[in-house]
């Protein structure tokens, strides 16, 4: 079993053996294809030299401190982010509290006080749009110049473009919130997912339509309201099921203000109801709409389930190797 990533939440927690390190710096929300290219390069450099593959990220997102009105909604919790980064070979991560004091550090202060003195970096790998220091005064060129003075190399990884789309967290947020989850999967190199605890529902499904698992998602970014082909994972014991998930306001039973995430499993739930689940969004089947009766809604759910089962059959039979759904499978 792969060892868990070591996580430190302050500079005071950083141990002496954090370095020498190969390091990348950023927010990494979503851990998308561009992030993965950087992380893989960090791993390669670390393995080549016998250093520790490391990540420096920030909590909260720096924009929440310097320009809170522009702070983005986040797709991944830090726990999910660190798990995805571990999949790419990262050994350790410093989640640095982003305070007003950190925001005031000059580019050289950031390099000397954090990268050199505390993290003992030997190589830094960043994207081509990387900025750092007070008012983002530092860029990749100044990072390389400072690296020459403080004993580390700097490598810049170019941005990733997929089907003409520049991969970025902001682009993926827009795509997910438009319901285009298959397109998001191409940019993420995985299905977009929501995870969190299973919470009690309104009791309507088990009595009048079909029983569902009701997810309280921890992500701030949800797919557009609608019905999706999904895969649901029990995070406590490893079970998984093909599923259909409704993201919406339950208009048949009186529209509410809050958006619920309700998942209908396509295979029997044997054993205890899971306490925490992850729902992967594979394909959008239709918009959410109001039905005149609970019986009409139940009939539609069963039709949705049949379409989802056909989707999974095609996925199993597809001859090209791929981990993600594509447009041709609609």
C-alpha atoms as a PDB file:
ATOM      1  CA  UNK A   1       0.000   0.000   0.000  1.00  0.00           C
ATOM      2  CA  UNK A   2       1.258   3.486  -0.893  1.00  0.00           C
ATOM      3  CA  UNK A   3       2.322   5.476   2.158  1.00  0.00           C
ATOM      4  CA  UNK A   4       0.194   8.485   2.996  1.00  0.00           C
ATOM      5  CA  UNK A   5       1.504  11.915   2.151  1.00  0.00           C
ATOM      6  CA  UNK A   6       3.074  13.713   5.124  1.00  0.00           C
ATOM      7  CA  UNK A   7       1.169  16.945   5.818  1.00  0.00           C
ATOM      8  CA  UNK A   8       2.430  19.950   7.788  1.00  0.00           C
ATOM      9  CA  UNK A   9       0.213  22.911   8.613  1.00  0.00           C
ATOM     10  CA  UNK A  10       2.688  25.547   9.729  1.00  0.00           C
ATOM     11  CA  UNK A  11       6.340  26.455   9.341  1.00  0.00           C
ATOM     12  CA  UNK A  12       6.839  25.513  12.992  1.00  0.00           C
ATOM     13  CA  UNK A  13       5.713  21.950  12.202  1.00  0.00           C
ATOM     14  CA  UNK A  14       8.213  21.463   9.367  1.00  0.00           C
ATOM     15  CA  UNK A  15      10.857  18.908  10.433  1.00  0.00           C
ATOM     16  CA  UNK A  16      14.564  19.057   9.712  1.00  0.00           C
ATOM     17  CA  UNK A  17      14.259  16.173   7.260  1.00  0.00           C
ATOM     18  CA  UNK A  18      11.771  18.017   5.013  1.00  0.00           C
ATOM     19  CA  UNK A  19      14.731  18.713   2.744  1.00  0.00           C
ATOM     20  CA  UNK A  20      16.609  18.496   0.603  1.00  0.00           C
ATOM     21  CA  UNK A  21      13.466  18.765  -1.486  1.00  0.00           C
ATOM     22  CA  UNK A  22      12.222  19.126  -5.014  1.00  0.00           C
ATOM     23  CA  UNK A  23       9.235  21.426  -4.620  1.00  0.00           C
ATOM     24  CA  UNK A  24       6.296  22.896  -6.451  1.00  0.00           C
ATOM     25  CA  UNK A  25       4.234  25.836  -5.237  1.00  0.00           C
ATOM     26  CA  UNK A  26       0.591  26.651  -5.906  1.00  0.00           C
ATOM     27  CA  UNK A  27      -3.035  26.199  -4.923  1.00  0.00           C
ATOM     28  CA  UNK A  28      -3.671  23.067  -7.024  1.00  0.00           C
ATOM     29  CA  UNK A  29      -7.448  23.259  -6.750  1.00  0.00           C
ATOM     30  CA  UNK A  30      -8.834  20.282  -8.648  1.00  0.00           C
ATOM     31  CA  UNK A  31      -5.359  18.815  -9.297  1.00  0.00           C
ATOM     32  CA  UNK A  32      -6.003  19.034 -13.046  1.00  0.00           C
ATOM     33  CA  UNK A  33      -3.935  17.948 -16.042  1.00  0.00           C
ATOM     34  CA  UNK A  34      -1.662  20.993 -15.841  1.00  0.00           C
ATOM     35  CA  UNK A  35      -1.011  20.434 -12.154  1.00  0.00           C
ATOM     36  CA  UNK A  36      -0.338  16.760 -12.802  1.00  0.00           C
ATOM     37  CA  UNK A  37       2.308  17.558 -15.413  1.00  0.00           C
ATOM     38  CA  UNK A  38       4.113  19.729 -12.844  1.00  0.00           C
ATOM     39  CA  UNK A  39       3.768  17.147 -10.067  1.00  0.00           C
ATOM     40  CA  UNK A  40       5.131  14.386 -12.293  1.00  0.00           C
ATOM     41  CA  UNK A  41       8.143  16.516 -13.118  1.00  0.00           C
ATOM     42  CA  UNK A  42       8.736  17.183  -9.403  1.00  0.00           C
ATOM     43  CA  UNK A  43       8.655  13.439  -8.786  1.00  0.00           C
ATOM     44  CA  UNK A  44      11.146  12.805 -11.612  1.00  0.00           C
ATOM     45  CA  UNK A  45      13.591  15.414 -10.302  1.00  0.00           C
ATOM     46  CA  UNK A  46      13.279  14.121  -6.745  1.00  0.00           C
ATOM     47  CA  UNK A  47      13.852  10.511  -7.785  1.00  0.00           C
ATOM     48  CA  UNK A  48      16.848  11.464  -9.907  1.00  0.00           C
ATOM     49  CA  UNK A  49      18.628  13.169  -7.011  1.00  0.00           C
ATOM     50  CA  UNK A  50      17.290  11.297  -4.004  1.00  0.00           C
ATOM     51  CA  UNK A  51      15.361  14.335  -2.717  1.00  0.00           C
ATOM     52  CA  UNK A  52      11.852  14.497  -1.269  1.00  0.00           C
ATOM     53  CA  UNK A  53       9.008  15.254  -3.712  1.00  0.00           C
ATOM     54  CA  UNK A  54       7.204  18.129  -2.022  1.00  0.00           C
ATOM     55  CA  UNK A  55       4.368  20.637  -2.370  1.00  0.00           C
ATOM     56  CA  UNK A  56       3.872  24.078  -0.841  1.00  0.00           C
ATOM     57  CA  UNK A  57       0.269  25.245  -0.889  1.00  0.00           C
ATOM     58  CA  UNK A  58      -1.779  27.783   1.050  1.00  0.00           C
ATOM     59  CA  UNK A  59      -4.818  27.949   3.327  1.00  0.00           C
ATOM     60  CA  UNK A  60      -6.909  29.947   2.793  1.00  0.00           C
ATOM     61  CA  UNK A  61      -6.592  30.631  -0.914  1.00  0.00           C
ATOM     62  CA  UNK A  62      -4.420  33.791  -1.103  1.00  0.00           C
ATOM     63  CA  UNK A  63      -7.165  35.698  -2.901  1.00  0.00           C
ATOM     64  CA  UNK A  64      -9.378  35.371   0.187  1.00  0.00           C
ATOM     65  CA  UNK A  65      -6.821  37.470   2.056  1.00  0.00           C
ATOM     66  CA  UNK A  66      -5.726  40.015  -0.554  1.00  0.00           C
ATOM     67  CA  UNK A  67      -8.971  40.360  -2.575  1.00  0.00           C
ATOM     68  CA  UNK A  68     -11.801  38.416  -0.900  1.00  0.00           C
ATOM     69  CA  UNK A  69     -14.410  39.668  -3.353  1.00  0.00           C
ATOM     70  CA  UNK A  70     -12.562  37.759  -6.089  1.00  0.00           C
ATOM     71  CA  UNK A  71     -11.906  34.558  -4.145  1.00  0.00           C
ATOM     72  CA  UNK A  72     -12.859  31.475  -6.187  1.00  0.00           C
ATOM     73  CA  UNK A  73     -15.174  28.705  -5.053  1.00  0.00           C
ATOM     74  CA  UNK A  74     -13.026  25.620  -4.480  1.00  0.00           C
ATOM     75  CA  UNK A  75     -13.460  22.228  -6.145  1.00  0.00           C
ATOM     76  CA  UNK A  76     -11.409  20.134  -3.739  1.00  0.00           C
ATOM     77  CA  UNK A  77     -10.856  20.019  -0.004  1.00  0.00           C
ATOM     78  CA  UNK A  78      -7.277  19.875   1.207  1.00  0.00           C
ATOM     79  CA  UNK A  79      -7.728  16.216   2.132  1.00  0.00           C
ATOM     80  CA  UNK A  80      -8.842  15.373  -1.418  1.00  0.00           C
ATOM     81  CA  UNK A  81      -6.144  17.559  -2.934  1.00  0.00           C
ATOM     82  CA  UNK A  82      -3.405  15.881  -0.920  1.00  0.00           C
ATOM     83  CA  UNK A  83      -4.723  12.431  -1.833  1.00  0.00           C
ATOM     84  CA  UNK A  84      -4.610  13.280  -5.539  1.00  0.00           C
ATOM     85  CA  UNK A  85      -1.120  14.736  -5.208  1.00  0.00           C
ATOM     86  CA  UNK A  86       0.013  11.569  -3.467  1.00  0.00           C
ATOM     87  CA  UNK A  87      -1.215   9.603  -6.485  1.00  0.00           C
ATOM     88  CA  UNK A  88       1.331  11.592  -8.518  1.00  0.00           C
ATOM     89  CA  UNK A  89       4.166  10.669  -6.160  1.00  0.00           C
ATOM     90  CA  UNK A  90       4.260  13.581  -3.732  1.00  0.00           C
ATOM     91  CA  UNK A  91       5.723  12.592  -0.391  1.00  0.00           C
ATOM     92  CA  UNK A  92       4.981  15.662   1.705  1.00  0.00           C
ATOM     93  CA  UNK A  93       3.038  18.902   1.658  1.00  0.00           C
ATOM     94  CA  UNK A  94       3.221  22.099   3.648  1.00  0.00           C
ATOM     95  CA  UNK A  95      -0.204  23.738   3.853  1.00  0.00           C
ATOM     96  CA  UNK A  96       0.999  27.181   4.852  1.00  0.00           C
ATOM     97  CA  UNK A  97      -1.494  29.481   6.594  1.00  0.00           C
ATOM     98  CA  UNK A  98      -1.775  32.460   4.264  1.00  0.00           C
ATOM     99  CA  UNK A  99      -1.817  35.428   6.609  1.00  0.00           C
ATOM    100  CA  UNK A 100      -1.404  39.166   6.119  1.00  0.00           C
ATOM    101  CA  UNK A 101       2.227  38.699   7.182  1.00  0.00           C
ATOM    102  CA  UNK A 102       2.861  36.094   4.500  1.00  0.00           C
ATOM    103  CA  UNK A 103       1.142  38.336   1.947  1.00  0.00           C
ATOM    104  CA  UNK A 104       3.569  41.147   2.845  1.00  0.00           C
ATOM    105  CA  UNK A 105       6.701  39.086   2.147  1.00  0.00           C
ATOM    106  CA  UNK A 106       8.758  40.373  -0.760  1.00  0.00           C
ATOM    107  CA  UNK A 107       9.777  37.829  -3.410  1.00  0.00           C
ATOM    108  CA  UNK A 108      13.242  37.597  -1.860  1.00  0.00           C
ATOM    109  CA  UNK A 109      11.813  37.343   1.636  1.00  0.00           C
ATOM    110  CA  UNK A 110       9.562  34.486   0.541  1.00  0.00           C
ATOM    111  CA  UNK A 111      12.507  32.665  -1.025  1.00  0.00           C
ATOM    112  CA  UNK A 112      15.002  33.255   1.779  1.00  0.00           C
ATOM    113  CA  UNK A 113      12.706  32.743   4.791  1.00  0.00           C
ATOM    114  CA  UNK A 114      10.533  29.904   3.519  1.00  0.00           C
ATOM    115  CA  UNK A 115      12.058  28.080   0.557  1.00  0.00           C
ATOM    116  CA  UNK A 116      15.724  28.204   1.537  1.00  0.00           C
ATOM    117  CA  UNK A 117      15.730  28.380   5.328  1.00  0.00           C
ATOM    118  CA  UNK A 118      12.759  26.152   6.213  1.00  0.00           C
ATOM    119  CA  UNK A 119      12.133  23.831   3.263  1.00  0.00           C
ATOM    120  CA  UNK A 120      15.736  23.405   2.102  1.00  0.00           C
ATOM    121  CA  UNK A 121      14.758  23.345  -1.543  1.00  0.00           C
ATOM    122  CA  UNK A 122      17.166  22.160  -4.218  1.00  0.00           C
ATOM    123  CA  UNK A 123      14.788  22.437  -7.180  1.00  0.00           C
ATOM    124  CA  UNK A 124      11.551  24.344  -7.723  1.00  0.00           C
ATOM    125  CA  UNK A 125       9.138  23.368 -10.516  1.00  0.00           C
ATOM    126  CA  UNK A 126       6.291  25.772 -11.361  1.00  0.00           C
ATOM    127  CA  UNK A 127       3.890  26.647 -14.153  1.00  0.00           C
ATOM    128  CA  UNK A 128       4.608  29.434 -16.610  1.00  0.00           C
ATOM    129  CA  UNK A 129       2.063  31.768 -14.982  1.00  0.00           C
ATOM    130  CA  UNK A 130       3.559  31.459 -11.501  1.00  0.00           C
ATOM    131  CA  UNK A 131       3.666  34.667  -9.433  1.00  0.00           C
ATOM    132  CA  UNK A 132       4.737  35.136  -5.822  1.00  0.00           C
ATOM    133  CA  UNK A 133       5.593  37.679  -3.155  1.00  0.00           C
ATOM    134  CA  UNK A 134       3.987  40.971  -2.191  1.00  0.00           C
ATOM    135  CA  UNK A 135       1.430  42.030  -4.808  1.00  0.00           C
ATOM    136  CA  UNK A 136       2.663  39.115  -6.957  1.00  0.00           C
ATOM    137  CA  UNK A 137       5.813  41.057  -7.767  1.00  0.00           C
ATOM    138  CA  UNK A 138       7.808  37.868  -8.374  1.00  0.00           C
ATOM    139  CA  UNK A 139       7.598  35.770 -11.549  1.00  0.00           C
ATOM    140  CA  UNK A 140       9.419  32.788 -13.030  1.00  0.00           C
ATOM    141  CA  UNK A 141      12.360  34.924 -14.123  1.00  0.00           C
ATOM    142  CA  UNK A 142      12.890  36.452 -10.678  1.00  0.00           C
ATOM    143  CA  UNK A 143      12.430  33.016  -9.094  1.00  0.00           C
ATOM    144  CA  UNK A 144      15.242  31.653 -11.262  1.00  0.00           C
ATOM    145  CA  UNK A 145      17.462  34.607 -10.373  1.00  0.00           C
ATOM    146  CA  UNK A 146      16.803  34.153  -6.658  1.00  0.00           C
ATOM    147  CA  UNK A 147      17.329  30.419  -6.987  1.00  0.00           C
ATOM    148  CA  UNK A 148      20.819  31.079  -8.310  1.00  0.00           C
ATOM    149  CA  UNK A 149      21.589  33.049  -5.150  1.00  0.00           C
ATOM    150  CA  UNK A 150      19.922  30.698  -2.683  1.00  0.00           C
ATOM    151  CA  UNK A 151      21.065  27.381  -4.069  1.00  0.00           C
ATOM    152  CA  UNK A 152      18.220  25.873  -6.077  1.00  0.00           C
ATOM    153  CA  UNK A 153      17.347  25.393  -9.713  1.00  0.00           C
ATOM    154  CA  UNK A 154      14.097  26.568 -11.266  1.00  0.00           C
ATOM    155  CA  UNK A 155      12.184  24.708 -13.953  1.00  0.00           C
ATOM    156  CA  UNK A 156       9.124  26.114 -15.709  1.00  0.00           C
ATOM    157  CA  UNK A 157       6.522  23.723 -17.090  1.00  0.00           C
ATOM    158  CA  UNK A 158       4.381  25.081 -19.938  1.00  0.00           C
ATOM    159  CA  UNK A 159       0.595  25.192 -19.704  1.00  0.00           C
ATOM    160  CA  UNK A 160      -1.439  22.237 -20.934  1.00  0.00           C
ATOM    161  CA  UNK A 161      -3.970  22.627 -23.757  1.00  0.00           C
ATOM    162  CA  UNK A 162      -6.649  19.963 -24.314  1.00  0.00           C
ATOM    163  CA  UNK A 163      -8.766  20.154 -27.486  1.00  0.00           C
ATOM    164  CA  UNK A 164      -8.007  23.824 -27.801  1.00  0.00           C
ATOM    165  CA  UNK A 165      -8.870  24.609 -24.163  1.00  0.00           C
ATOM    166  CA  UNK A 166      -6.182  25.988 -21.863  1.00  0.00           C
ATOM    167  CA  UNK A 167      -6.389  23.853 -18.730  1.00  0.00           C
ATOM    168  CA  UNK A 168      -6.949  25.930 -15.600  1.00  0.00           C
ATOM    169  CA  UNK A 169      -8.929  25.633 -12.388  1.00  0.00           C
ATOM    170  CA  UNK A 170     -11.116  28.589 -13.367  1.00  0.00           C
ATOM    171  CA  UNK A 171     -11.960  27.020 -16.739  1.00  0.00           C
ATOM    172  CA  UNK A 172     -12.858  23.714 -15.101  1.00  0.00           C
ATOM    173  CA  UNK A 173     -15.103  25.444 -12.556  1.00  0.00           C
ATOM    174  CA  UNK A 174     -17.061  27.052 -15.400  1.00  0.00           C
ATOM    175  CA  UNK A 175     -17.320  23.771 -17.296  1.00  0.00           C
ATOM    176  CA  UNK A 176     -18.507  21.822 -14.246  1.00  0.00           C
ATOM    177  CA  UNK A 177     -21.059  24.459 -13.314  1.00  0.00           C
ATOM    178  CA  UNK A 178     -22.389  24.273 -16.890  1.00  0.00           C
ATOM    179  CA  UNK A 179     -22.961  20.518 -16.412  1.00  0.00           C
ATOM    180  CA  UNK A 180     -20.308  19.472 -18.948  1.00  0.00           C
ATOM    181  CA  UNK A 181     -18.798  16.840 -16.699  1.00  0.00           C
ATOM    182  CA  UNK A 182     -17.326  14.708 -19.504  1.00  0.00           C
ATOM    183  CA  UNK A 183     -15.434  17.737 -20.794  1.00  0.00           C
ATOM    184  CA  UNK A 184     -14.245  18.475 -17.252  1.00  0.00           C
ATOM    185  CA  UNK A 185     -12.925  14.919 -16.962  1.00  0.00           C
ATOM    186  CA  UNK A 186     -10.637  15.468 -19.948  1.00  0.00           C
ATOM    187  CA  UNK A 187      -9.091  18.527 -18.295  1.00  0.00           C
ATOM    188  CA  UNK A 188      -8.822  16.859 -14.898  1.00  0.00           C
ATOM    189  CA  UNK A 189      -7.581  13.465 -16.179  1.00  0.00           C
ATOM    190  CA  UNK A 190     -10.241  11.970 -13.899  1.00  0.00           C
ATOM    191  CA  UNK A 191     -13.961  12.270 -13.359  1.00  0.00           C
ATOM    192  CA  UNK A 192     -15.118  15.314 -11.428  1.00  0.00           C
ATOM    193  CA  UNK A 193     -16.333  14.198  -8.015  1.00  0.00           C
ATOM    194  CA  UNK A 194     -18.066  15.331  -4.868  1.00  0.00           C
ATOM    195  CA  UNK A 195     -17.501  13.709  -1.512  1.00  0.00           C
ATOM    196  CA  UNK A 196     -18.809  14.060   2.009  1.00  0.00           C
ATOM    197  CA  UNK A 197     -21.063  12.452   4.578  1.00  0.00           C
ATOM    198  CA  UNK A 198     -24.329  10.681   3.810  1.00  0.00           C
ATOM    199  CA  UNK A 199     -27.101  12.618   5.527  1.00  0.00           C
ATOM    200  CA  UNK A 200     -30.798  11.952   6.145  1.00  0.00           C
ATOM    201  CA  UNK A 201     -33.081  12.969   3.310  1.00  0.00           C
ATOM    202  CA  UNK A 202     -36.708  14.032   3.382  1.00  0.00           C
ATOM    203  CA  UNK A 203     -37.950  10.438   3.422  1.00  0.00           C
ATOM    204  CA  UNK A 204     -39.881  10.888   0.190  1.00  0.00           C
ATOM    205  CA  UNK A 205     -37.716   8.690  -2.023  1.00  0.00           C
ATOM    206  CA  UNK A 206     -37.869   5.566   0.119  1.00  0.00           C
ATOM    207  CA  UNK A 207     -41.664   5.854   0.348  1.00  0.00           C
ATOM    208  CA  UNK A 208     -42.823   7.243  -2.997  1.00  0.00           C
ATOM    209  CA  UNK A 209     -40.095   6.950  -5.653  1.00  0.00           C
ATOM    210  CA  UNK A 210     -36.774   5.119  -5.177  1.00  0.00           C
ATOM    211  CA  UNK A 211     -34.383   5.082  -2.198  1.00  0.00           C
ATOM    212  CA  UNK A 212     -31.337   7.310  -2.526  1.00  0.00           C
ATOM    213  CA  UNK A 213     -28.132   8.205  -0.717  1.00  0.00           C
ATOM    214  CA  UNK A 214     -28.148  11.901   0.138  1.00  0.00           C
ATOM    215  CA  UNK A 215     -24.710  13.484  -0.033  1.00  0.00           C
ATOM    216  CA  UNK A 216     -23.672  16.635   1.833  1.00  0.00           C
ATOM    217  CA  UNK A 217     -20.823  17.699  -0.498  1.00  0.00           C
ATOM    218  CA  UNK A 218     -17.779  19.393   0.962  1.00  0.00           C
ATOM    219  CA  UNK A 219     -16.812  21.009  -2.332  1.00  0.00           C
ATOM    220  CA  UNK A 220     -17.988  24.542  -3.107  1.00  0.00           C
ATOM    221  CA  UNK A 221     -18.421  23.740  -6.823  1.00  0.00           C
ATOM    222  CA  UNK A 222     -21.348  21.552  -7.889  1.00  0.00           C
ATOM    223  CA  UNK A 223     -22.352  20.452 -11.373  1.00  0.00           C
ATOM    224  CA  UNK A 224     -25.326  22.239 -12.916  1.00  0.00           C
ATOM    225  CA  UNK A 225     -28.699  20.997 -11.764  1.00  0.00           C
ATOM    226  CA  UNK A 226     -29.684  17.877 -13.655  1.00  0.00           C
ATOM    227  CA  UNK A 227     -29.440  14.093 -13.727  1.00  0.00           C
ATOM    228  CA  UNK A 228     -26.083  12.375 -14.250  1.00  0.00           C
ATOM    229  CA  UNK A 229     -24.570   8.967 -14.798  1.00  0.00           C
ATOM    230  CA  UNK A 230     -22.266   8.535 -11.829  1.00  0.00           C
ATOM    231  CA  UNK A 231     -20.125   6.068  -9.938  1.00  0.00           C
ATOM    232  CA  UNK A 232     -20.459   6.047  -6.160  1.00  0.00           C
ATOM    233  CA  UNK A 233     -17.704   4.938  -3.773  1.00  0.00           C
ATOM    234  CA  UNK A 234     -17.990   4.049  -0.101  1.00  0.00           C
ATOM    235  CA  UNK A 235     -14.988   5.824   1.411  1.00  0.00           C
ATOM    236  CA  UNK A 236     -15.054   3.737   4.572  1.00  0.00           C
ATOM    237  CA  UNK A 237     -14.780   0.194   3.193  1.00  0.00           C
ATOM    238  CA  UNK A 238     -14.043   0.400  -0.519  1.00  0.00           C
ATOM    239  CA  UNK A 239     -17.395  -0.633  -1.953  1.00  0.00           C
ATOM    240  CA  UNK A 240     -18.518   1.011  -5.200  1.00  0.00           C
ATOM    241  CA  UNK A 241     -21.618   1.014  -7.379  1.00  0.00           C
ATOM    242  CA  UNK A 242     -22.763   2.354 -10.742  1.00  0.00           C
ATOM    243  CA  UNK A 243     -25.359   4.994 -10.025  1.00  0.00           C
ATOM    244  CA  UNK A 244     -27.590   7.835 -11.192  1.00  0.00           C
ATOM    245  CA  UNK A 245     -27.408  11.145  -9.353  1.00  0.00           C
ATOM    246  CA  UNK A 246     -29.770  14.106  -9.285  1.00  0.00           C
ATOM    247  CA  UNK A 247     -28.339  17.517  -8.487  1.00  0.00           C
ATOM    248  CA  UNK A 248     -31.185  19.902  -7.875  1.00  0.00           C
ATOM    249  CA  UNK A 249     -33.971  21.415  -5.838  1.00  0.00           C
ATOM    250  CA  UNK A 250     -36.533  18.575  -5.970  1.00  0.00           C
ATOM    251  CA  UNK A 251     -39.206  20.589  -7.858  1.00  0.00           C
ATOM    252  CA  UNK A 252     -41.729  17.713  -7.873  1.00  0.00           C
ATOM    253  CA  UNK A 253     -42.038  17.944  -4.094  1.00  0.00           C
ATOM    254  CA  UNK A 254     -41.867  21.716  -3.765  1.00  0.00           C
ATOM    255  CA  UNK A 255     -38.800  23.588  -4.953  1.00  0.00           C
ATOM    256  CA  UNK A 256     -36.360  24.547  -2.213  1.00  0.00           C
ATOM    257  CA  UNK A 257     -33.568  27.069  -2.135  1.00  0.00           C
ATOM    258  CA  UNK A 258     -30.777  24.611  -1.367  1.00  0.00           C
ATOM    259  CA  UNK A 259     -29.352  22.200  -3.914  1.00  0.00           C
ATOM    260  CA  UNK A 260     -29.410  18.537  -2.917  1.00  0.00           C
ATOM    261  CA  UNK A 261     -27.275  15.700  -4.299  1.00  0.00           C
ATOM    262  CA  UNK A 262     -29.258  12.444  -4.320  1.00  0.00           C
ATOM    263  CA  UNK A 263     -27.812   9.203  -5.664  1.00  0.00           C
ATOM    264  CA  UNK A 264     -29.721   6.098  -6.745  1.00  0.00           C
ATOM    265  CA  UNK A 265     -27.545   2.974  -6.803  1.00  0.00           C
ATOM    266  CA  UNK A 266     -27.965   0.689  -9.824  1.00  0.00           C
ATOM    267  CA  UNK A 267     -26.920  -2.362  -7.813  1.00  0.00           C
ATOM    268  CA  UNK A 268     -28.322  -3.541  -4.474  1.00  0.00           C
ATOM    269  CA  UNK A 269     -26.902  -1.963  -1.350  1.00  0.00           C
ATOM    270  CA  UNK A 270     -25.808  -4.915   0.720  1.00  0.00           C
ATOM    271  CA  UNK A 271     -24.734  -4.299   4.289  1.00  0.00           C
ATOM    272  CA  UNK A 272     -24.725  -1.037   6.172  1.00  0.00           C
ATOM    273  CA  UNK A 273     -25.485   2.305   4.575  1.00  0.00           C
ATOM    274  CA  UNK A 274     -22.150   4.071   3.940  1.00  0.00           C
ATOM    275  CA  UNK A 275     -21.250   6.976   6.186  1.00  0.00           C
ATOM    276  CA  UNK A 276     -19.063   8.849   3.649  1.00  0.00           C
ATOM    277  CA  UNK A 277     -19.202   8.595  -0.130  1.00  0.00           C
ATOM    278  CA  UNK A 278     -17.532   9.997  -3.219  1.00  0.00           C
ATOM    279  CA  UNK A 279     -19.716  10.481  -6.302  1.00  0.00           C
ATOM    280  CA  UNK A 280     -17.923  10.660  -9.667  1.00  0.00           C
ATOM    281  CA  UNK A 281     -19.856  12.475 -12.401  1.00  0.00           C
ATOM    282  CA  UNK A 282     -19.456  10.748 -15.760  1.00  0.00           C
ATOM    283  CA  UNK A 283     -22.207  12.009 -18.056  1.00  0.00           C
ATOM    284  CA  UNK A 284     -25.168  14.401 -17.926  1.00  0.00           C
ATOM    285  CA  UNK A 285     -28.394  12.635 -18.884  1.00  0.00           C
ATOM    286  CA  UNK A 286     -30.921  15.466 -18.725  1.00  0.00           C
ATOM    287  CA  UNK A 287     -32.028  18.629 -16.996  1.00  0.00           C
ATOM    288  CA  UNK A 288     -33.940  18.464 -13.738  1.00  0.00           C
ATOM    289  CA  UNK A 289     -37.650  19.057 -14.239  1.00  0.00           C
ATOM    290  CA  UNK A 290     -40.905  18.951 -12.337  1.00  0.00           C
ATOM    291  CA  UNK A 291     -43.272  15.985 -12.637  1.00  0.00           C
ATOM    292  CA  UNK A 292     -46.977  16.046 -11.898  1.00  0.00           C
ATOM    293  CA  UNK A 293     -46.889  12.995  -9.618  1.00  0.00           C
ATOM    294  CA  UNK A 294     -44.403  10.946  -7.653  1.00  0.00           C
ATOM    295  CA  UNK A 295     -45.299   7.969  -9.859  1.00  0.00           C
ATOM    296  CA  UNK A 296     -44.308   9.900 -13.000  1.00  0.00           C
ATOM    297  CA  UNK A 297     -41.004  10.857 -11.381  1.00  0.00           C
ATOM    298  CA  UNK A 298     -40.353   7.251 -10.395  1.00  0.00           C
ATOM    299  CA  UNK A 299     -40.964   6.109 -13.974  1.00  0.00           C
ATOM    300  CA  UNK A 300     -38.487   8.714 -15.252  1.00  0.00           C
ATOM    301  CA  UNK A 301     -35.884   7.658 -12.673  1.00  0.00           C
ATOM    302  CA  UNK A 302     -36.163   4.075 -13.885  1.00  0.00           C
ATOM    303  CA  UNK A 303     -35.720   5.258 -17.496  1.00  0.00           C
ATOM    304  CA  UNK A 304     -32.670   7.239 -16.400  1.00  0.00           C
ATOM    305  CA  UNK A 305     -31.341   4.106 -14.710  1.00  0.00           C
ATOM    306  CA  UNK A 306     -31.780   2.088 -17.899  1.00  0.00           C
ATOM    307  CA  UNK A 307     -29.843   4.695 -19.895  1.00  0.00           C
ATOM    308  CA  UNK A 308     -27.108   4.717 -17.265  1.00  0.00           C
ATOM    309  CA  UNK A 309     -26.837   0.913 -17.353  1.00  0.00           C
ATOM    310  CA  UNK A 310     -26.473   1.085 -21.140  1.00  0.00           C
ATOM    311  CA  UNK A 311     -23.724   3.662 -20.671  1.00  0.00           C
ATOM    312  CA  UNK A 312     -21.815   1.349 -18.319  1.00  0.00           C
ATOM    313  CA  UNK A 313     -22.203  -1.584 -20.739  1.00  0.00           C
ATOM    314  CA  UNK A 314     -20.694   0.502 -23.528  1.00  0.00           C
ATOM    315  CA  UNK A 315     -17.915   1.590 -21.196  1.00  0.00           C
ATOM    316  CA  UNK A 316     -17.055  -2.039 -20.438  1.00  0.00           C
ATOM    317  CA  UNK A 317     -17.075  -2.996 -24.096  1.00  0.00           C
ATOM    318  CA  UNK A 318     -15.131  -0.016 -25.374  1.00  0.00           C
ATOM    319  CA  UNK A 319     -11.954  -1.259 -26.958  1.00  0.00           C
ATOM    320  CA  UNK A 320      -9.842   1.898 -26.535  1.00  0.00           C
ATOM    321  CA  UNK A 321      -8.104   2.118 -23.187  1.00  0.00           C
ATOM    322  CA  UNK A 322      -9.331   5.165 -21.245  1.00  0.00           C
ATOM    323  CA  UNK A 323     -10.323   6.045 -17.695  1.00  0.00           C
ATOM    324  CA  UNK A 324     -12.778   8.734 -18.671  1.00  0.00           C
ATOM    325  CA  UNK A 325     -16.054   8.980 -20.622  1.00  0.00           C
ATOM    326  CA  UNK A 326     -15.907  10.709 -23.985  1.00  0.00           C
ATOM    327  CA  UNK A 327     -18.455  12.447 -26.171  1.00  0.00           C
ATOM    328  CA  UNK A 328     -18.819   9.484 -28.513  1.00  0.00           C
ATOM    329  CA  UNK A 329     -20.240   7.419 -25.668  1.00  0.00           C
ATOM    330  CA  UNK A 330     -23.304   9.588 -25.163  1.00  0.00           C
END
